[in-house]
Amino acid sequence: MRILELDGLRAVAVMMVFMSHSGVALLGGGIGVDIFFAISGFIITRLLLREICETGTISIMNFYKRRIVRLWPPLFALLLCLE
C-alpha cells in the first residue's frame, strides 16, 4: 500500500537536493537528504513489519531480491543511455 503524500514529500526532497546541486541559490539540499532518508527508512521498516506479520519472519535474501528487481532495471537503462 502506497502512501501518496509520502511520495510527494519524497519528490520535494529530491528536488531540493537536485536544485542545490545544480547551482540554484536554494538552501536546504542537506535537509532534502535528511527528509529523503527518513521517509525511506520509514517505508522500509513498514515493509519489513508487514512481512513479519504475514510470515512470522523476515527474509533478508527476499528483501534484497525485491530491491534488485525494482532498482536494477532503471539503473541499467541509465547506464545504457550514458554509453
Protein backbone atom coordinates (compact mmCIF):
# COMPACT_ATOMS: atom_id res chain seq x y z
CA MET A 1 0.00 0.00 0.00
CA ARG A 2 1.48 3.29 -1.12
CA ILE A 3 1.16 6.50 0.83
CA LEU A 4 0.86 9.12 -1.89
CA GLU A 5 1.60 12.00 0.48
CA LEU A 6 4.97 10.44 1.33
CA ASP A 7 5.73 10.01 -2.38
CA GLY A 8 5.03 13.71 -2.87
CA LEU A 9 7.16 14.72 0.11
CA ARG A 10 9.98 12.48 -1.11
CA ALA A 11 9.75 14.12 -4.56
CA VAL A 12 10.05 17.57 -2.95
CA ALA A 13 13.12 16.37 -1.01
CA VAL A 14 14.72 15.05 -4.22
CA MET A 15 14.05 18.36 -5.97
CA MET A 16 15.66 20.26 -3.07
CA VAL A 17 18.82 18.18 -3.46
CA PHE A 18 18.75 18.41 -7.26
CA MET A 19 18.35 22.19 -7.23
CA SER A 20 21.08 22.55 -4.63
CA HIS A 21 23.50 20.56 -6.81
CA SER A 22 22.52 22.40 -9.99
CA GLY A 23 23.65 25.73 -8.60
CA VAL A 24 20.27 27.29 -7.97
CA ALA A 25 20.54 29.58 -4.98
CA LEU A 26 18.44 27.38 -2.75
CA LEU A 27 19.39 26.39 0.72
CA GLY A 28 18.20 23.11 2.08
CA GLY A 29 19.90 20.45 -0.01
CA GLY A 30 21.10 18.78 3.18
CA ILE A 31 17.63 18.95 4.67
CA GLY A 32 16.30 17.33 1.50
CA VAL A 33 18.72 14.43 2.00
CA ASP A 34 17.61 14.06 5.62
CA ILE A 35 13.93 14.07 4.65
CA PHE A 36 14.50 11.54 1.85
CA PHE A 37 16.37 9.10 4.09
CA ALA A 38 13.88 9.45 6.95
CA ILE A 39 10.96 8.66 4.64
CA SER A 40 12.87 5.79 3.01
CA GLY A 41 13.68 4.33 6.44
CA PHE A 42 10.02 4.56 7.44
CA ILE A 43 8.88 2.81 4.26
CA ILE A 44 11.47 0.03 4.56
CA THR A 45 10.58 -0.53 8.21
CA ARG A 46 6.91 -0.68 7.31
CA LEU A 47 7.60 -3.28 4.60
CA LEU A 48 9.63 -5.42 6.99
CA LEU A 49 6.97 -5.19 9.71
CA ARG A 50 4.32 -6.26 7.21
CA GLU A 51 6.46 -9.23 6.19
CA ILE A 52 6.98 -10.32 9.79
CA CYS A 53 3.23 -10.05 10.47
CA GLU A 54 2.38 -12.10 7.38
CA THR A 55 5.09 -14.77 7.58
CA GLY A 56 6.35 -14.63 11.16
CA THR A 57 9.90 -13.92 9.98
CA ILE A 58 11.96 -11.60 7.82
CA SER A 59 13.89 -12.97 4.88
CA ILE A 60 16.80 -10.64 4.21
CA MET A 61 17.52 -12.54 0.99
CA ASN A 62 13.97 -11.95 -0.30
CA PHE A 63 14.18 -8.32 0.78
CA TYR A 64 17.30 -7.76 -1.31
CA LYS A 65 15.86 -9.75 -4.23
CA ARG A 66 12.85 -7.40 -4.27
CA ARG A 67 15.15 -4.36 -4.17
CA ILE A 68 17.26 -5.72 -7.05
CA VAL A 69 14.19 -6.45 -9.19
CA ARG A 70 12.90 -2.96 -8.54
CA LEU A 71 16.10 -0.90 -8.79
CA TRP A 72 18.40 -2.61 -11.28
CA PRO A 73 16.30 -2.21 -14.48
CA PRO A 74 16.29 1.61 -14.27
CA LEU A 75 19.95 1.57 -13.25
CA PHE A 76 20.94 -0.43 -16.32
CA ALA A 77 18.73 1.70 -18.55
CA LEU A 78 20.55 4.78 -17.26
CA LEU A 79 23.93 3.14 -17.82
CA LEU A 80 22.95 2.28 -21.40
CA CYS A 81 21.95 5.89 -22.02
CA LEU A 82 25.29 7.15 -20.71
CA GLU A 83 27.34 4.94 -23.02
